[in-house]
Structures are given as C-alpha cells and as structure tokens.
C-alpha cells in the first residue's frame, strides 16, 4: 500500500497498537533475560530480590512475569491490530493495578514479586502508554467490533 508520499508502510507501522505492543514486548523480553542474569541468589518469590540496572528489584517470579508479558505483547503486536489493542489494554490495566497496589505491599510477605518504588513508577508509566494507545488509537477496530 502506498502513502501520499509514494512510500509504502508496513502493516506494523500503520497501527500504533501493533507498533507499541512489539516495542514494549521486545523491551520486556530483554528485561526478563537481563533479570535472569542478575537474579542468581534471590528467592524464587518474595519481597527480597536483586537489583537490575542498579535500580529495579527483581526475583525469579518477577522475571517470569516479564517474560510472559513480553511474549504476549510481542505475539499480539505481530499478529493483528485487534489482538494488539486487546493485549495492550489488558496488560495496561494489570500494570495500572500493580503500580497502585505495589506502593502498599512493598516489603511485606504479600510482595512476591520483590517490587520497589522504581518498579511501581515504571509499571504506572507502562500502564499509561499501553492504556492510552489501546483506548486512543485504531478506533476503526473498536467500531468494527461494535458493528458485529
């Protein structure tokens, strides 16, 4: 397909939801892999983890969560607009909840992901971007779904 300038754009770059899902998916997969490299002596689950990049606290369960979320985002982004929009919205909502609840559970036995303040702000920022693009972009997908 050609644009007004005569250059073609891939289906991925025509959809903000697909592009954001692929980028965030790749980043979260990378974060998971880096997390596994530094997690060595940390517990599988619990409030005590090791620092990733000197700021984000992670443990094995936290890394697995990043791996699953990254894979879901990447697969959805590479699939189609509807999948990317849905997964962006779901992951965004989960991260919004986790970002808020995280402030209240840090350093308690309920904190099985070894969360810290930097994690909370990163989760909230991720939520804003994913929810924003899910709600605000690719509106034609939402309209076609409502017509069904």
Protein backbone atom coordinates (compact mmCIF):
# COMPACT_ATOMS: atom_id res chain seq x y z
CA UNK A 1 0.00 0.00 0.00
CA UNK A 2 1.30 3.47 -0.81
CA UNK A 3 1.06 6.61 1.24
CA UNK A 4 0.56 10.13 -0.10
CA UNK A 5 4.33 10.47 -0.45
CA UNK A 6 4.55 7.34 -2.55
CA UNK A 7 6.40 5.25 0.04
CA UNK A 8 4.94 2.07 1.42
CA UNK A 9 4.42 1.43 5.10
CA UNK A 10 4.30 -1.98 6.69
CA UNK A 11 1.10 -3.08 8.44
CA UNK A 12 3.02 -2.88 11.71
CA UNK A 13 3.77 0.84 11.38
CA UNK A 14 0.22 1.63 10.24
CA UNK A 15 -1.13 0.62 13.66
CA UNK A 16 0.04 2.39 16.81
CA UNK A 17 -1.24 -0.55 18.87
CA UNK A 18 0.81 -3.08 16.92
CA UNK A 19 3.93 -0.93 17.00
CA UNK A 20 3.70 -0.21 20.74
CA UNK A 21 2.96 -3.87 21.51
CA UNK A 22 6.01 -5.04 19.56
CA UNK A 23 8.32 -2.43 21.10
CA UNK A 24 7.11 -2.99 24.67
CA UNK A 25 7.09 -6.75 24.13
CA UNK A 26 10.70 -6.75 22.96
CA UNK A 27 11.75 -4.47 25.83
CA UNK A 28 10.04 -6.63 28.46
CA UNK A 29 11.58 -9.79 26.98
CA UNK A 30 15.01 -8.14 27.15
CA UNK A 31 14.35 -7.01 30.74
CA UNK A 32 13.36 -10.59 31.64
CA UNK A 33 16.55 -12.02 30.15
CA UNK A 34 18.71 -9.40 31.88
CA UNK A 35 16.83 -10.11 35.11
CA UNK A 36 17.64 -13.81 34.89
CA UNK A 37 21.32 -12.90 34.58
CA UNK A 38 21.36 -10.96 37.87
CA UNK A 39 18.85 -12.95 39.93
CA UNK A 40 21.30 -15.72 40.90
CA UNK A 41 20.93 -15.99 44.68
CA UNK A 42 17.50 -14.40 45.04
CA UNK A 43 14.49 -16.34 46.28
CA UNK A 44 12.05 -17.58 43.65
CA UNK A 45 9.26 -15.44 45.11
CA UNK A 46 9.24 -12.99 48.00
CA UNK A 47 9.97 -9.41 48.96
CA UNK A 48 13.77 -9.72 48.64
CA UNK A 49 15.31 -9.67 45.19
CA UNK A 50 18.38 -8.39 43.41
CA UNK A 51 18.79 -5.09 41.60
CA UNK A 52 18.55 -4.94 37.83
CA UNK A 53 20.39 -1.98 36.31
CA UNK A 54 21.08 -0.85 39.87
CA UNK A 55 17.53 0.39 40.42
CA UNK A 56 14.76 -2.18 39.72
CA UNK A 57 14.34 -5.04 42.19
CA UNK A 58 13.59 -8.44 40.64
CA UNK A 59 13.35 -12.08 41.63
CA UNK A 60 12.75 -15.24 39.60
CA UNK A 61 8.95 -14.85 39.62
CA UNK A 62 9.22 -11.19 38.60
CA UNK A 63 11.44 -12.21 35.66
CA UNK A 64 8.99 -14.92 34.60
CA UNK A 65 6.17 -12.34 34.71
CA UNK A 66 8.22 -10.02 32.47
CA UNK A 67 8.90 -12.93 30.12
CA UNK A 68 5.22 -13.86 29.82
CA UNK A 69 4.06 -10.24 29.44
CA UNK A 70 6.76 -9.51 26.87
CA UNK A 71 5.84 -12.61 24.89
CA UNK A 72 2.12 -11.78 24.99
CA UNK A 73 2.74 -8.21 23.79
CA UNK A 74 5.16 -9.28 21.06
CA UNK A 75 2.92 -12.06 19.74
CA UNK A 76 -0.15 -9.80 19.77
CA UNK A 77 1.75 -6.98 18.07
CA UNK A 78 2.97 -9.29 15.34
CA UNK A 79 -0.50 -10.85 14.89
CA UNK A 80 -3.06 -8.16 14.11
CA UNK A 81 -4.49 -4.85 15.26
CA UNK A 82 -7.36 -6.35 17.26
CA UNK A 83 -5.02 -8.65 19.21
CA UNK A 84 -2.54 -5.83 19.88
CA UNK A 85 -5.28 -3.44 21.01
CA UNK A 86 -6.75 -6.06 23.36
CA UNK A 87 -3.45 -7.16 24.88
CA UNK A 88 -2.28 -3.55 25.27
CA UNK A 89 -5.50 -2.80 27.17
CA UNK A 90 -5.31 -5.88 29.39
CA UNK A 91 -1.62 -5.53 30.22
CA UNK A 92 -2.08 -1.79 30.73
CA UNK A 93 -4.93 -2.37 33.18
CA UNK A 94 -2.96 -5.02 35.08
CA UNK A 95 0.07 -2.72 35.28
CA UNK A 96 -2.11 0.17 36.48
CA UNK A 97 -3.45 -2.02 39.28
CA UNK A 98 0.02 -3.39 40.10
CA UNK A 99 1.54 0.10 40.07
CA UNK A 100 -1.01 1.37 42.57
CA UNK A 101 -1.19 -1.71 44.81
CA UNK A 102 2.59 -2.03 44.76
CA UNK A 103 3.03 1.06 46.91
CA UNK A 104 1.01 -0.62 49.68
CA UNK A 105 2.54 -4.11 49.60
CA UNK A 106 6.25 -3.29 49.26
CA UNK A 107 8.41 -5.13 51.82
CA UNK A 108 5.50 -7.23 53.06
CA UNK A 109 5.05 -11.01 52.69
CA UNK A 110 2.42 -10.28 50.00
CA UNK A 111 5.15 -8.73 47.80
CA UNK A 112 6.00 -11.97 45.98
CA UNK A 113 7.49 -10.06 43.02
CA UNK A 114 10.16 -8.19 45.05
CA UNK A 115 8.78 -4.81 43.98
CA UNK A 116 10.35 -1.49 44.87
CA UNK A 117 9.45 2.16 44.26
CA UNK A 118 11.22 2.30 40.90
CA UNK A 119 9.18 -0.73 39.77
CA UNK A 120 5.93 1.00 40.76
CA UNK A 121 6.68 4.10 38.72
CA UNK A 122 7.81 2.02 35.73
CA UNK A 123 4.63 -0.07 35.93
CA UNK A 124 2.49 3.08 36.10
CA UNK A 125 4.31 4.62 33.11
CA UNK A 126 3.85 1.41 31.14
CA UNK A 127 0.15 1.41 32.08
CA UNK A 128 -0.33 4.98 30.86
CA UNK A 129 1.26 4.24 27.48
CA UNK A 130 -0.46 0.87 26.91
CA UNK A 131 -3.88 2.05 28.05
CA UNK A 132 -3.50 5.33 26.16
CA UNK A 133 -2.72 3.65 22.87
CA UNK A 134 -5.32 0.93 23.42
CA UNK A 135 -8.09 3.43 24.13
CA UNK A 136 -6.99 6.23 21.83
CA UNK A 137 -5.63 4.58 18.69
CA UNK A 138 -7.00 2.27 15.99
CA UNK A 139 -10.59 3.34 16.70
CA UNK A 140 -11.79 1.73 13.47
CA UNK A 141 -11.15 -1.67 15.10
CA UNK A 142 -13.40 -0.77 18.03
CA UNK A 143 -16.13 0.47 15.63
CA UNK A 144 -15.98 -2.69 13.52
CA UNK A 145 -16.22 -4.82 16.67
CA UNK A 146 -19.32 -2.89 17.80
CA UNK A 147 -20.97 -3.47 14.41
CA UNK A 148 -20.68 -7.24 14.74
